[in-house]
Amino acid sequence: AIRQTVQQANGAPLVSFCNTGHWAATNWFVASEVAGIEGVKLFPES
């Protein structure tokens, strides 16, 4: 589902964020390292 969402975004970057940044790191890791999505960004300041 997350891979498909990225494909439908027509080149828009996938940026992971949350309220303060700590949960966003989990989503970044899964999207980038587990799902293999290229160029995933983490917005640590969220």
Full PDB file with SEQRES, HELIX, SHEET, SSBOND, CRYST1, ORIGX, SCALE, CONECT and MASTER records, all heavy atoms in Angstrom:
SEQRES   1 A   46  ALA ILE ARG GLN THR VAL GLN GLN ALA ASN GLY ALA PRO          
SEQRES   2 A   46  LEU VAL SER PHE CYS ASN THR GLY HIS TRP ALA ALA THR          
SEQRES   3 A   46  ASN TRP PHE VAL ALA SER GLU VAL ALA GLY ILE GLU GLY          
SEQRES   4 A   46  VAL LYS LEU PHE PRO GLU SER                                  
HELIX    1 AA1 ILE A    2  GLN A    8  1                                   7    
HELIX    2 AA2 ALA A   24  PHE A   29  1                                   6    
HELIX    3 AA3 VAL A   30  VAL A   34  3                                   5    
SHEET    1 AA1 2 VAL A  15  SER A  16  0                                        
SHEET    2 AA1 2 LYS A  41  LEU A  42  1                                        
CRYST1    1.000    1.000    1.000  90.00  90.00  90.00 P 1           1          
ORIGX1      1.000000  0.000000  0.000000        0.00000                         
ORIGX2      0.000000  1.000000  0.000000        0.00000                         
ORIGX3      0.000000  0.000000  1.000000        0.00000                         
SCALE1      1.000000  0.000000  0.000000        0.00000                         
SCALE2      0.000000  1.000000  0.000000        0.00000                         
SCALE3      0.000000  0.000000  1.000000        0.00000                         
ATOM      1  N   ALA A   1       0.829  -1.206   0.000  1.00  0.00           N  
ATOM      2  CA  ALA A   1       0.000   0.000   0.000  1.00  0.00           C  
ATOM      3  C   ALA A   1       0.863   1.257   0.000  1.00  0.00           C  
ATOM      4  O   ALA A   1       0.581   2.212  -0.728  1.00  0.00           O  
ATOM      5  CB  ALA A   1      -0.943  -0.008   1.199  1.00  0.00           C  
ATOM      6  N   ILE A   2       1.925   1.256   0.790  1.00  0.00           N  
ATOM      7  CA  ILE A   2       2.783   2.450   0.825  1.00  0.00           C  
ATOM      8  C   ILE A   2       3.577   2.581  -0.471  1.00  0.00           C  
ATOM      9  O   ILE A   2       3.759   3.682  -0.984  1.00  0.00           O  
ATOM     10  CB  ILE A   2       3.685   2.468   2.080  1.00  0.00           C  
ATOM     11  CG1 ILE A   2       4.245   3.872   2.301  1.00  0.00           C  
ATOM     12  CG2 ILE A   2       4.787   1.459   2.027  1.00  0.00           C  
ATOM     13  CD1 ILE A   2       4.928   4.064   3.622  1.00  0.00           C  
ATOM     14  N   ARG A   3       4.005   1.470  -1.057  1.00  0.00           N  
ATOM     15  CA  ARG A   3       4.692   1.530  -2.352  1.00  0.00           C  
ATOM     16  C   ARG A   3       3.757   2.095  -3.424  1.00  0.00           C  
ATOM     17  O   ARG A   3       4.154   2.927  -4.242  1.00  0.00           O  
ATOM     18  CB  ARG A   3       5.171   0.144  -2.765  1.00  0.00           C  
ATOM     19  CG  ARG A   3       6.354  -0.375  -1.984  1.00  0.00           C  
ATOM     20  CD  ARG A   3       6.812  -1.727  -2.543  1.00  0.00           C  
ATOM     21  NE  ARG A   3       7.655  -2.415  -1.605  1.00  0.00           N  
ATOM     22  CZ  ARG A   3       7.329  -3.541  -0.965  1.00  0.00           C  
ATOM     23  NH1 ARG A   3       6.156  -4.130  -1.170  1.00  0.00           N  
ATOM     24  NH2 ARG A   3       8.176  -4.102  -0.132  1.00  0.00           N  
ATOM     25  N   GLN A   4       2.512   1.645  -3.430  1.00  0.00           N  
ATOM     26  CA  GLN A   4       1.535   2.112  -4.410  1.00  0.00           C  
ATOM     27  C   GLN A   4       1.248   3.606  -4.238  1.00  0.00           C  
ATOM     28  O   GLN A   4       1.148   4.343  -5.211  1.00  0.00           O  
ATOM     29  CB  GLN A   4       0.242   1.317  -4.294  1.00  0.00           C  
ATOM     30  CG  GLN A   4      -0.782   1.706  -5.327  1.00  0.00           C  
ATOM     31  CD  GLN A   4      -2.042   0.865  -5.238  1.00  0.00           C  
ATOM     32  OE1 GLN A   4      -2.304   0.221  -4.234  1.00  0.00           O  
ATOM     33  NE2 GLN A   4      -2.814   0.872  -6.294  1.00  0.00           N  
ATOM     34  N   THR A   5       1.146   4.054  -3.004  1.00  0.00           N  
ATOM     35  CA  THR A   5       0.911   5.472  -2.734  1.00  0.00           C  
ATOM     36  C   THR A   5       2.052   6.312  -3.295  1.00  0.00           C  
ATOM     37  O   THR A   5       1.822   7.359  -3.915  1.00  0.00           O  
ATOM     38  CB  THR A   5       0.763   5.713  -1.224  1.00  0.00           C  
ATOM     39  OG1 THR A   5      -0.373   4.983  -0.759  1.00  0.00           O  
ATOM     40  CG2 THR A   5       0.597   7.184  -0.902  1.00  0.00           C  
ATOM     41  N   VAL A   6       3.283   5.851  -3.112  1.00  0.00           N  
ATOM     42  CA  VAL A   6       4.445   6.582  -3.635  1.00  0.00           C  
ATOM     43  C   VAL A   6       4.414   6.605  -5.159  1.00  0.00           C  
ATOM     44  O   VAL A   6       4.675   7.637  -5.779  1.00  0.00           O  
ATOM     45  CB  VAL A   6       5.759   5.973  -3.101  1.00  0.00           C  
ATOM     46  CG1 VAL A   6       6.960   6.528  -3.820  1.00  0.00           C  
ATOM     47  CG2 VAL A   6       5.870   6.222  -1.606  1.00  0.00           C  
ATOM     48  N   GLN A   7       4.058   5.493  -5.778  1.00  0.00           N  
ATOM     49  CA  GLN A   7       3.984   5.446  -7.240  1.00  0.00           C  
ATOM     50  C   GLN A   7       2.934   6.414  -7.775  1.00  0.00           C  
ATOM     51  O   GLN A   7       3.131   7.056  -8.805  1.00  0.00           O  
ATOM     52  CB  GLN A   7       3.668   4.030  -7.709  1.00  0.00           C  
ATOM     53  CG  GLN A   7       4.817   3.072  -7.545  1.00  0.00           C  
ATOM     54  CD  GLN A   7       4.435   1.645  -7.894  1.00  0.00           C  
ATOM     55  OE1 GLN A   7       3.266   1.290  -7.990  1.00  0.00           O  
ATOM     56  NE2 GLN A   7       5.442   0.804  -8.077  1.00  0.00           N  
ATOM     57  N   GLN A   8       1.827   6.554  -7.072  1.00  0.00           N  
ATOM     58  CA  GLN A   8       0.745   7.442  -7.508  1.00  0.00           C  
ATOM     59  C   GLN A   8       1.061   8.910  -7.256  1.00  0.00           C  
ATOM     60  O   GLN A   8       0.371   9.788  -7.755  1.00  0.00           O  
ATOM     61  CB  GLN A   8      -0.558   7.070  -6.797  1.00  0.00           C  
ATOM     62  CG  GLN A   8      -1.083   5.718  -7.205  1.00  0.00           C  
ATOM     63  CD  GLN A   8      -2.258   5.267  -6.349  1.00  0.00           C  
ATOM     64  OE1 GLN A   8      -2.549   5.834  -5.309  1.00  0.00           O  
ATOM     65  NE2 GLN A   8      -2.928   4.229  -6.790  1.00  0.00           N  
ATOM     66  N   ALA A   9       2.109   9.195  -6.490  1.00  0.00           N  
ATOM     67  CA  ALA A   9       2.461  10.578  -6.147  1.00  0.00           C  
ATOM     68  C   ALA A   9       3.226  11.290  -7.251  1.00  0.00           C  
ATOM     69  O   ALA A   9       3.603  12.446  -7.092  1.00  0.00           O  
ATOM     70  CB  ALA A   9       3.267  10.600  -4.851  1.00  0.00           C  
ATOM     71  N   ASN A  10       3.467  10.608  -8.362  1.00  0.00           N  
ATOM     72  CA  ASN A  10       4.108  11.227  -9.529  1.00  0.00           C  
ATOM     73  C   ASN A  10       5.396  11.968  -9.210  1.00  0.00           C  
ATOM     74  O   ASN A  10       5.571  13.126  -9.577  1.00  0.00           O  
ATOM     75  CB  ASN A  10       3.128  12.173 -10.234  1.00  0.00           C  
ATOM     76  CG  ASN A  10       1.936  11.424 -10.793  1.00  0.00           C  
ATOM     77  OD1 ASN A  10       2.087  10.343 -11.332  1.00  0.00           O  
ATOM     78  ND2 ASN A  10       0.761  12.000 -10.634  1.00  0.00           N  
ATOM     79  N   GLY A  11       6.275  11.334  -8.481  1.00  0.00           N  
ATOM     80  CA  GLY A  11       7.582  11.913  -8.201  1.00  0.00           C  
ATOM     81  C   GLY A  11       7.671  12.767  -6.958  1.00  0.00           C  
ATOM     82  O   GLY A  11       8.748  13.226  -6.612  1.00  0.00           O  
ATOM     83  N   ALA A  12       6.542  13.008  -6.303  1.00  0.00           N  
ATOM     84  CA  ALA A  12       6.589  13.771  -5.052  1.00  0.00           C  
ATOM     85  C   ALA A  12       7.323  12.938  -4.005  1.00  0.00           C  
ATOM     86  O   ALA A  12       7.148  11.726  -3.939  1.00  0.00           O  
ATOM     87  CB  ALA A  12       5.179  14.113  -4.570  1.00  0.00           C  
ATOM     88  N   PRO A  13       8.157  13.561  -3.195  1.00  0.00           N  
ATOM     89  CA  PRO A  13       8.925  12.792  -2.216  1.00  0.00           C  
ATOM     90  C   PRO A  13       8.044  12.258  -1.084  1.00  0.00           C  
ATOM     91  O   PRO A  13       7.026  12.861  -0.735  1.00  0.00           O  
ATOM     92  CB  PRO A  13       9.928  13.806  -1.671  1.00  0.00           C  
ATOM     93  CG  PRO A  13       9.249  15.123  -1.861  1.00  0.00           C  
ATOM     94  CD  PRO A  13       8.435  14.990  -3.120  1.00  0.00           C  
ATOM     95  N   LEU A  14       8.441  11.149  -0.536  1.00  0.00           N  
ATOM     96  CA  LEU A  14       7.811  10.605   0.665  1.00  0.00           C  
ATOM     97  C   LEU A  14       8.607  11.137   1.841  1.00  0.00           C  
ATOM     98  O   LEU A  14       9.816  10.902   1.943  1.00  0.00           O  
ATOM     99  CB  LEU A  14       7.830   9.080   0.650  1.00  0.00           C  
ATOM    100  CG  LEU A  14       7.284   8.375   1.889  1.00  0.00           C  
ATOM    101  CD1 LEU A  14       5.810   8.738   2.110  1.00  0.00           C  
ATOM    102  CD2 LEU A  14       7.429   6.868   1.747  1.00  0.00           C  
ATOM    103  N   VAL A  15       7.943  11.897   2.704  1.00  0.00           N  
ATOM    104  CA  VAL A  15       8.594  12.505   3.858  1.00  0.00           C  
ATOM    105  C   VAL A  15       7.878  12.031   5.109  1.00  0.00           C  
ATOM    106  O   VAL A  15       6.677  12.215   5.259  1.00  0.00           O  
ATOM    107  CB  VAL A  15       8.545  14.051   3.790  1.00  0.00           C  
ATOM    108  CG1 VAL A  15       9.229  14.657   5.014  1.00  0.00           C  
ATOM    109  CG2 VAL A  15       9.174  14.547   2.497  1.00  0.00           C  
ATOM    110  N   SER A  16       8.628  11.416   5.998  1.00  0.00           N  
ATOM    111  CA  SER A  16       8.056  10.910   7.240  1.00  0.00           C  
ATOM    112  C   SER A  16       8.172  11.964   8.336  1.00  0.00           C  
ATOM    113  O   SER A  16       9.238  12.532   8.558  1.00  0.00           O  
ATOM    114  CB  SER A  16       8.798   9.635   7.665  1.00  0.00           C  
ATOM    115  OG  SER A  16       8.213   9.094   8.825  1.00  0.00           O  
ATOM    116  N   PHE A  17       7.045  12.231   9.001  1.00  0.00           N  
ATOM    117  CA  PHE A  17       7.039  13.174  10.118  1.00  0.00           C  
ATOM    118  C   PHE A  17       5.985  12.736  11.110  1.00  0.00           C  
ATOM    119  O   PHE A  17       5.125  11.913  10.812  1.00  0.00           O  
ATOM    120  CB  PHE A  17       6.767  14.614   9.628  1.00  0.00           C  
ATOM    121  CG  PHE A  17       5.359  14.834   9.151  1.00  0.00           C  
ATOM    122  CD1 PHE A  17       4.389  15.321  10.010  1.00  0.00           C  
ATOM    123  CD2 PHE A  17       5.008  14.550   7.847  1.00  0.00           C  
ATOM    124  CE1 PHE A  17       3.079  15.517   9.575  1.00  0.00           C  
ATOM    125  CE2 PHE A  17       3.711  14.748   7.398  1.00  0.00           C  
ATOM    126  CZ  PHE A  17       2.743  15.227   8.270  1.00  0.00           C  
ATOM    127  N   CYS A  18       6.063  13.248  12.307  1.00  0.00           N  
ATOM    128  CA  CYS A  18       5.032  13.004  13.325  1.00  0.00           C  
ATOM    129  C   CYS A  18       4.918  14.295  14.138  1.00  0.00           C  
ATOM    130  O   CYS A  18       5.092  15.374  13.594  1.00  0.00           O  
ATOM    131  CB  CYS A  18       5.363  11.780  14.185  1.00  0.00           C  
ATOM    132  SG  CYS A  18       6.886  11.897  15.133  1.00  0.00           S  
ATOM    133  N   ASN A  19       4.655  14.203  15.401  1.00  0.00           N  
ATOM    134  CA  ASN A  19       4.557  15.416  16.215  1.00  0.00           C  
ATOM    135  C   ASN A  19       5.933  15.960  16.575  1.00  0.00           C  
ATOM    136  O   ASN A  19       6.216  17.137  16.398  1.00  0.00           O  
ATOM    137  CB  ASN A  19       3.730  15.150  17.479  1.00  0.00           C  
ATOM    138  CG  ASN A  19       3.442  16.420  18.247  1.00  0.00           C  
ATOM    139  OD1 ASN A  19       3.092  17.435  17.669  1.00  0.00           O  
ATOM    140  ND2 ASN A  19       3.602  16.375  19.552  1.00  0.00           N  
ATOM    141  N   THR A  20       6.803  15.103  17.094  1.00  0.00           N  
ATOM    142  CA  THR A  20       8.125  15.552  17.521  1.00  0.00           C  
ATOM    143  C   THR A  20       9.275  14.842  16.813  1.00  0.00           C  
ATOM    144  O   THR A  20      10.426  15.159  17.060  1.00  0.00           O  
ATOM    145  CB  THR A  20       8.298  15.347  19.045  1.00  0.00           C  
ATOM    146  OG1 THR A  20       8.138  13.961  19.341  1.00  0.00           O  
ATOM    147  CG2 THR A  20       7.309  16.178  19.827  1.00  0.00           C  
ATOM    148  N   GLY A  21       9.009  13.879  15.967  1.00  0.00           N  
ATOM    149  CA  GLY A  21      10.041  13.218  15.181  1.00  0.00           C  
ATOM    150  C   GLY A  21      10.385  11.806  15.587  1.00  0.00           C  
ATOM    151  O   GLY A  21      10.975  11.064  14.809  1.00  0.00           O  
ATOM    152  N   HIS A  22      10.055  11.385  16.808  1.00  0.00           N  
ATOM    153  CA  HIS A  22      10.513  10.063  17.252  1.00  0.00           C  
ATOM    154  C   HIS A  22       9.758   8.920  16.582  1.00  0.00           C  
ATOM    155  O   HIS A  22      10.355   7.913  16.231  1.00  0.00           O  
ATOM    156  CB  HIS A  22      10.483   9.956  18.778  1.00  0.00           C  
ATOM    157  CG  HIS A  22       9.137  10.108  19.395  1.00  0.00           C  
ATOM    158  ND1 HIS A  22       8.486  11.322  19.449  1.00  0.00           N  
ATOM    159  CD2 HIS A  22       8.328   9.207  19.968  1.00  0.00           C  
ATOM    160  CE1 HIS A  22       7.313  11.158  20.049  1.00  0.00           C  
ATOM    161  NE2 HIS A  22       7.199   9.892  20.369  1.00  0.00           N  
ATOM    162  N   TRP A  23       8.450   9.030  16.366  1.00  0.00           N  
ATOM    163  CA  TRP A  23       7.713   7.958  15.683  1.00  0.00           C  
ATOM    164  C   TRP A  23       7.952   7.998  14.180  1.00  0.00           C  
ATOM    165  O   TRP A  23       7.862   6.991  13.497  1.00  0.00           O  
ATOM    166  CB  TRP A  23       6.228   8.030  15.989  1.00  0.00           C  
ATOM    167  CG  TRP A  23       5.869   7.620  17.377  1.00  0.00           C  
ATOM    168  CD1 TRP A  23       6.618   6.863  18.241  1.00  0.00           C  
ATOM    169  CD2 TRP A  23       4.679   7.948  18.087  1.00  0.00           C  
ATOM    170  NE1 TRP A  23       5.955   6.711  19.435  1.00  0.00           N  
ATOM    171  CE2 TRP A  23       4.757   7.365  19.358  1.00  0.00           C  
ATOM    172  CE3 TRP A  23       3.555   8.688  17.763  1.00  0.00           C  
ATOM    173  CZ2 TRP A  23       3.753   7.495  20.301  1.00  0.00           C  
ATOM    174  CZ3 TRP A  23       2.544   8.813  18.705  1.00  0.00           C  
ATOM    175  CH2 TRP A  23       2.658   8.215  19.954  1.00  0.00           C  
ATOM    176  N   ALA A  24       8.256   9.166  13.667  1.00  0.00           N  
ATOM    177  CA  ALA A  24       8.528   9.308  12.240  1.00  0.00           C  
ATOM    178  C   ALA A  24       9.717   8.454  11.815  1.00  0.00           C  
ATOM    179  O   ALA A  24       9.775   7.980  10.686  1.00  0.00           O  
ATOM    180  CB  ALA A  24       8.788  10.772  11.901  1.00  0.00           C  
ATOM    181  N   ALA A  25      10.658   8.260  12.713  1.00  0.00           N  
ATOM    182  CA  ALA A  25      11.838   7.456  12.390  1.00  0.00           C  
ATOM    183  C   ALA A  25      11.459   6.013  12.080  1.00  0.00           C  
ATOM    184  O   ALA A  25      12.062   5.391  11.204  1.00  0.00           O  
ATOM    185  CB  ALA A  25      12.841   7.509  13.542  1.00  0.00           C  
ATOM    186  N   THR A  26      10.456   5.482  12.771  1.00  0.00           N  
ATOM    187  CA  THR A  26      10.010   4.115  12.495  1.00  0.00           C  
ATOM    188  C   THR A  26       9.441   4.030  11.086  1.00  0.00           C  
ATOM    189  O   THR A  26       9.778   3.116  10.325  1.00  0.00           O  
ATOM    190  CB  THR A  26       8.951   3.661  13.521  1.00  0.00           C  
ATOM    191  OG1 THR A  26       9.500   3.756  14.830  1.00  0.00           O  
ATOM    192  CG2 THR A  26       8.503   2.236  13.258  1.00  0.00           C  
ATOM    193  N   ASN A  27       8.571   4.976  10.726  1.00  0.00           N  
ATOM    194  CA  ASN A  27       8.001   4.966   9.377  1.00  0.00           C  
ATOM    195  C   ASN A  27       9.074   5.155   8.311  1.00  0.00           C  
ATOM    196  O   ASN A  27       9.031   4.531   7.257  1.00  0.00           O  
ATOM    197  CB  ASN A  27       6.915   6.031   9.240  1.00  0.00           C  
ATOM    198  CG  ASN A  27       5.623   5.621   9.899  1.00  0.00           C  
ATOM    199  OD1 ASN A  27       5.447   4.472  10.303  1.00  0.00           O  
ATOM    200  ND2 ASN A  27       4.709   6.554  10.016  1.00  0.00           N  
ATOM    201  N   TRP A  28      10.053   6.031   8.578  1.00  0.00           N  
ATOM    202  CA  TRP A  28      11.151   6.208   7.629  1.00  0.00           C  
ATOM    203  C   TRP A  28      11.890   4.890   7.421  1.00  0.00           C  
ATOM    204  O   TRP A  28      12.157   4.485   6.298  1.00  0.00           O  
ATOM    205  CB  TRP A  28      12.143   7.279   8.103  1.00  0.00           C  
ATOM    206  CG  TRP A  28      13.330   7.324   7.182  1.00  0.00           C  
ATOM    207  CD1 TRP A  28      13.448   8.075   6.056  1.00  0.00           C  
ATOM    208  CD2 TRP A  28      14.508   6.529   7.265  1.00  0.00           C  
ATOM    209  NE1 TRP A  28      14.644   7.801   5.427  1.00  0.00           N  
ATOM    210  CE2 TRP A  28      15.311   6.851   6.158  1.00  0.00           C  
ATOM    211  CE3 TRP A  28      14.966   5.567   8.169  1.00  0.00           C  
ATOM    212  CZ2 TRP A  28      16.549   6.254   5.931  1.00  0.00           C  
ATOM    213  CZ3 TRP A  28      16.211   4.967   7.938  1.00  0.00           C  
ATOM    214  CH2 TRP A  28      16.989   5.315   6.832  1.00  0.00           C  
ATOM    215  N   PHE A  29      12.223   4.227   8.523  1.00  0.00           N  
ATOM    216  CA  PHE A  29      12.971   2.975   8.439  1.00  0.00           C  
ATOM    217  C   PHE A  29      12.216   1.925   7.631  1.00  0.00           C  
ATOM    218  O   PHE A  29      12.777   1.286   6.739  1.00  0.00           O  
ATOM    219  CB  PHE A  29      13.278   2.434   9.837  1.00  0.00           C  
ATOM    220  CG  PHE A  29      13.988   1.111   9.805  1.00  0.00           C  
ATOM    221  CD1 PHE A  29      15.344   1.048   9.568  1.00  0.00           C  
ATOM    222  CD2 PHE A  29      13.285  -0.070   9.993  1.00  0.00           C  
ATOM    223  CE1 PHE A  29      16.011  -0.169   9.515  1.00  0.00           C  
ATOM    224  CE2 PHE A  29      13.933  -1.297   9.946  1.00  0.00           C  
ATOM    225  CZ  PHE A  29      15.302  -1.348   9.706  1.00  0.00           C  
ATOM    226  N   VAL A  30      10.936   1.761   7.917  1.00  0.00           N  
ATOM    227  CA  VAL A  30      10.158   0.743   7.207  1.00  0.00           C  
ATOM    228  C   VAL A  30      10.039   1.094   5.729  1.00  0.00           C  
ATOM    229  O   VAL A  30      10.261   0.243   4.860  1.00  0.00           O  
ATOM    230  CB  VAL A  30       8.770   0.546   7.850  1.00  0.00           C  
ATOM    231  CG1 VAL A  30       7.903  -0.357   6.993  1.00  0.00           C  
ATOM    232  CG2 VAL A  30       8.918  -0.053   9.243  1.00  0.00           C  
ATOM    233  N   ALA A  31       9.705   2.349   5.423  1.00  0.00           N  
ATOM    234  CA  ALA A  31       9.537   2.740   4.018  1.00  0.00           C  
ATOM    235  C   ALA A  31      10.848   2.625   3.246  1.00  0.00           C  
ATOM    236  O   ALA A  31      10.886   2.072   2.144  1.00  0.00           O  
ATOM    237  CB  ALA A  31       8.995   4.167   3.930  1.00  0.00           C  
ATOM    238  N   SER A  32      11.926   3.119   3.827  1.00  0.00           N  
ATOM    239  CA  SER A  32      13.212   3.147   3.144  1.00  0.00           C  
ATOM    240  C   SER A  32      13.913   1.792   3.129  1.00  0.00           C  
ATOM    241  O   SER A  32      14.297   1.299   2.073  1.00  0.00           O  
ATOM    242  CB  SER A  32      14.126   4.179   3.813  1.00  0.00           C  
ATOM    243  OG  SER A  32      15.403   4.161   3.219  1.00  0.00           O  
ATOM    244  N   GLU A  33      14.043   1.207   4.299  1.00  0.00           N  
ATOM    245  CA  GLU A  33      14.894   0.028   4.428  1.00  0.00           C  
ATOM    246  C   GLU A  33      14.151  -1.300   4.276  1.00  0.00           C  
ATOM    247  O   GLU A  33      14.740  -2.278   3.836  1.00  0.00           O  
ATOM    248  CB  GLU A  33      15.619   0.068   5.770  1.00  0.00           C  
ATOM    249  CG  GLU A  33      16.406   1.351   5.996  1.00  0.00           C  
ATOM    250  CD  GLU A  33      17.416   1.628   4.890  1.00  0.00           C  
ATOM    251  OE1 GLU A  33      18.244   0.742   4.603  1.00  0.00           O  
ATOM    252  OE2 GLU A  33      17.371   2.737   4.313  1.00  0.00           O  
ATOM    253  N   VAL A  34      12.886  -1.350   4.637  1.00  0.00           N  
ATOM    254  CA  VAL A  34      12.123  -2.606   4.536  1.00  0.00           C  
ATOM    255  C   VAL A  34      11.342  -2.647   3.223  1.00  0.00           C  
ATOM    256  O   VAL A  34      11.416  -3.631   2.489  1.00  0.00           O  
ATOM    257  CB  VAL A  34      11.189  -2.797   5.752  1.00  0.00           C  
ATOM    258  CG1 VAL A  34      10.382  -4.081   5.619  1.00  0.00           C  
ATOM    259  CG2 VAL A  34      11.991  -2.802   7.060  1.00  0.00           C  
ATOM    260  N   ALA A  35      10.607  -1.575   2.920  1.00  0.00           N  
ATOM    261  CA  ALA A  35       9.818  -1.540   1.687  1.00  0.00           C  
ATOM    262  C   ALA A  35      10.680  -1.228   0.465  1.00  0.00           C  
ATOM    263  O   ALA A  35      10.266  -1.460  -0.662  1.00  0.00           O  
ATOM    264  CB  ALA A  35       8.688  -0.523   1.799  1.00  0.00           C  
ATOM    265  N   GLY A  36      11.883  -0.694   0.698  1.00  0.00           N  
ATOM    266  CA  GLY A  36      12.810  -0.432  -0.399  1.00  0.00           C  
ATOM    267  C   GLY A  36      12.455   0.768  -1.260  1.00  0.00           C  
ATOM    268  O   GLY A  36      12.839   0.838  -2.419  1.00  0.00           O  
ATOM    269  N   ILE A  37      11.760   1.738  -0.702  1.00  0.00           N  
ATOM    270  CA  ILE A  37      11.388   2.931  -1.451  1.00  0.00           C  
ATOM    271  C   ILE A  37      12.587   3.878  -1.485  1.00  0.00           C  
ATOM    272  O   ILE A  37      13.160   4.209  -0.448  1.00  0.00           O  
ATOM    273  CB  ILE A  37      10.159   3.612  -0.816  1.00  0.00           C  
ATOM    274  CG1 ILE A  37       8.966   2.647  -0.851  1.00  0.00           C  
ATOM    275  CG2 ILE A  37       9.840   4.918  -1.521  1.00  0.00           C  
ATOM    276  CD1 ILE A  37       7.783   3.110  -0.045  1.00  0.00           C  
ATOM    277  N   GLU A  38      12.958   4.292  -2.683  1.00  0.00           N  
ATOM    278  CA  GLU A  38      14.117   5.171  -2.861  1.00  0.00           C  
ATOM    279  C   GLU A  38      13.800   6.596  -2.430  1.00  0.00           C  
ATOM    280  O   GLU A  38      12.700   7.099  -2.670  1.00  0.00           O  
ATOM    281  CB  GLU A  38      14.539   5.183  -4.331  1.00  0.00           C  
ATOM    282  CG  GLU A  38      15.031   3.843  -4.844  1.00  0.00           C  
ATOM    283  CD  GLU A  38      16.415   3.496  -4.343  1.00  0.00           C  
ATOM    284  OE1 GLU A  38      17.232   4.418  -4.146  1.00  0.00           O  
ATOM    285  OE2 GLU A  38      16.672   2.300  -4.141  1.00  0.00           O  
ATOM    286  N   GLY A  39      14.765   7.263  -1.827  1.00  0.00           N  
ATOM    287  CA  GLY A  39      14.679   8.692  -1.556  1.00  0.00           C  
ATOM    288  C   GLY A  39      13.726   9.115  -0.455  1.00  0.00           C  
ATOM    289  O   GLY A  39      13.335  10.280  -0.408  1.00  0.00           O  
ATOM    290  N   VAL A  40      13.359   8.205   0.435  1.00  0.00           N  
ATOM    291  CA  VAL A  40      12.468   8.582   1.540  1.00  0.00           C  
ATOM    292  C   VAL A  40      13.196   9.576   2.436  1.00  0.00           C  
ATOM    293  O   VAL A  40      14.373   9.409   2.752  1.00  0.00           O  
ATOM    294  CB  VAL A  40      12.045   7.341   2.368  1.00  0.00           C  
ATOM    295  CG1 VAL A  40      11.140   7.741   3.525  1.00  0.00           C  
ATOM    296  CG2 VAL A  40      11.370   6.311   1.483  1.00  0.00           C  
ATOM    297  N   LYS A  41      12.497  10.619   2.837  1.00  0.00           N  
ATOM    298  CA  LYS A  41      13.075  11.654   3.691  1.00  0.00           C  
ATOM    299  C   LYS A  41      12.493  11.559   5.093  1.00  0.00           C  
ATOM    300  O   LYS A  41      11.362  11.118   5.284  1.00  0.00           O  
ATOM    301  CB  LYS A  41      12.764  13.049   3.137  1.00  0.00           C  
ATOM    302  CG  LYS A  41      13.139  13.251   1.696  1.00  0.00           C  
ATOM    303  CD  LYS A  41      14.618  13.233   1.499  1.00  0.00           C  
ATOM    304  CE  LYS A  41      14.934  13.548   0.043  1.00  0.00           C  
ATOM    305  NZ  LYS A  41      16.212  13.030  -0.368  1.00  0.00           N  
ATOM    306  N   LEU A  42      13.261  11.996   6.063  1.00  0.00           N  
ATOM    307  CA  LEU A  42      12.808  12.098   7.451  1.00  0.00           C  
ATOM    308  C   LEU A  42      12.858  13.567   7.835  1.00  0.00           C  
ATOM    309  O   LEU A  42      13.882  14.229   7.668  1.00  0.00           O  
ATOM    310  CB  LEU A  42      13.712  11.285   8.379  1.00  0.00           C  
ATOM    311  CG  LEU A  42      13.433  11.422   9.877  1.00  0.00           C  
ATOM    312  CD1 LEU A  42      12.048  10.884  10.218  1.00  0.00           C  
ATOM    313  CD2 LEU A  42      14.496  10.706  10.684  1.00  0.00           C  
ATOM    314  N   PHE A  43      11.734  14.092   8.317  1.00  0.00           N  
ATOM    315  CA  PHE A  43      11.671  15.470   8.807  1.00  0.00           C  
ATOM    316  C   PHE A  43      11.735  15.383  10.328  1.00  0.00           C  
ATOM    317  O   PHE A  43      10.716  15.274  11.002  1.00  0.00           O  
ATOM    318  CB  PHE A  43      10.389  16.143   8.321  1.00  0.00           C  
ATOM    319  CG  PHE A  43      10.225  17.574   8.727  1.00  0.00           C  
ATOM    320  CD1 PHE A  43      11.313  18.426   8.862  1.00  0.00           C  
ATOM    321  CD2 PHE A  43       8.965  18.086   8.972  1.00  0.00           C  
ATOM    322  CE1 PHE A  43      11.149  19.760   9.241  1.00  0.00           C  
ATOM    323  CE2 PHE A  43       8.789  19.409   9.346  1.00  0.00           C  
ATOM    324  CZ  PHE A  43       9.880  20.239   9.475  1.00  0.00           C  
ATOM    325  N   PRO A  44      12.957  15.368  10.903  1.00  0.00           N  
ATOM    326  CA  PRO A  44      13.096  15.099  12.333  1.00  0.00           C  
ATOM    327  C   PRO A  44      12.448  16.141  13.236  1.00  0.00           C  
ATOM    328  O   PRO A  44      12.040  15.813  14.346  1.00  0.00           O  
ATOM    329  CB  PRO A  44      14.609  15.041  12.549  1.00  0.00           C  
ATOM    330  CG  PRO A  44      15.217  15.718  11.394  1.00  0.00           C  
ATOM    331  CD  PRO A  44      14.239  15.600  10.253  1.00  0.00           C  
ATOM    332  N   GLU A  45      12.333  17.385  12.765  1.00  0.00           N  
ATOM    333  CA  GLU A  45      11.694  18.403  13.591  1.00  0.00           C  
ATOM    334  C   GLU A  45      10.189  18.216  13.642  1.00  0.00           C  
ATOM    335  O   GLU A  45       9.514  18.684  14.545  1.00  0.00           O  
ATOM    336  CB  GLU A  45      12.012  19.811  13.055  1.00  0.00           C  
ATOM    337  CG  GLU A  45      13.471  20.167  13.132  1.00  0.00           C  
ATOM    338  CD  GLU A  45      14.247  19.685  11.903  1.00  0.00           C  
ATOM    339  OE1 GLU A  45      13.659  19.102  10.964  1.00  0.00           O  
ATOM    340  OE2 GLU A  45      15.472  19.890  11.887  1.00  0.00           O  
ATOM    341  N   SER A  46       9.644  17.566  12.633  1.00  0.00           N  
ATOM    342  CA  SER A  46       8.233  17.222  12.515  1.00  0.00           C  
ATOM    343  C   SER A  46       7.318  18.405  12.786  1.00  0.00           C  
ATOM    344  O   SER A  46       7.662  19.544  12.485  1.00  0.00           O  
ATOM    345  CB  SER A  46       7.911  16.006  13.378  1.00  0.00           C  
ATOM    346  OG  SER A  46       8.471  14.841  12.779  1.00  0.00           O  
TER     347      SER A  46                                                      
MASTER        0    0    0    3    2    0    0    6  346    1    0    4          
END                                                                             
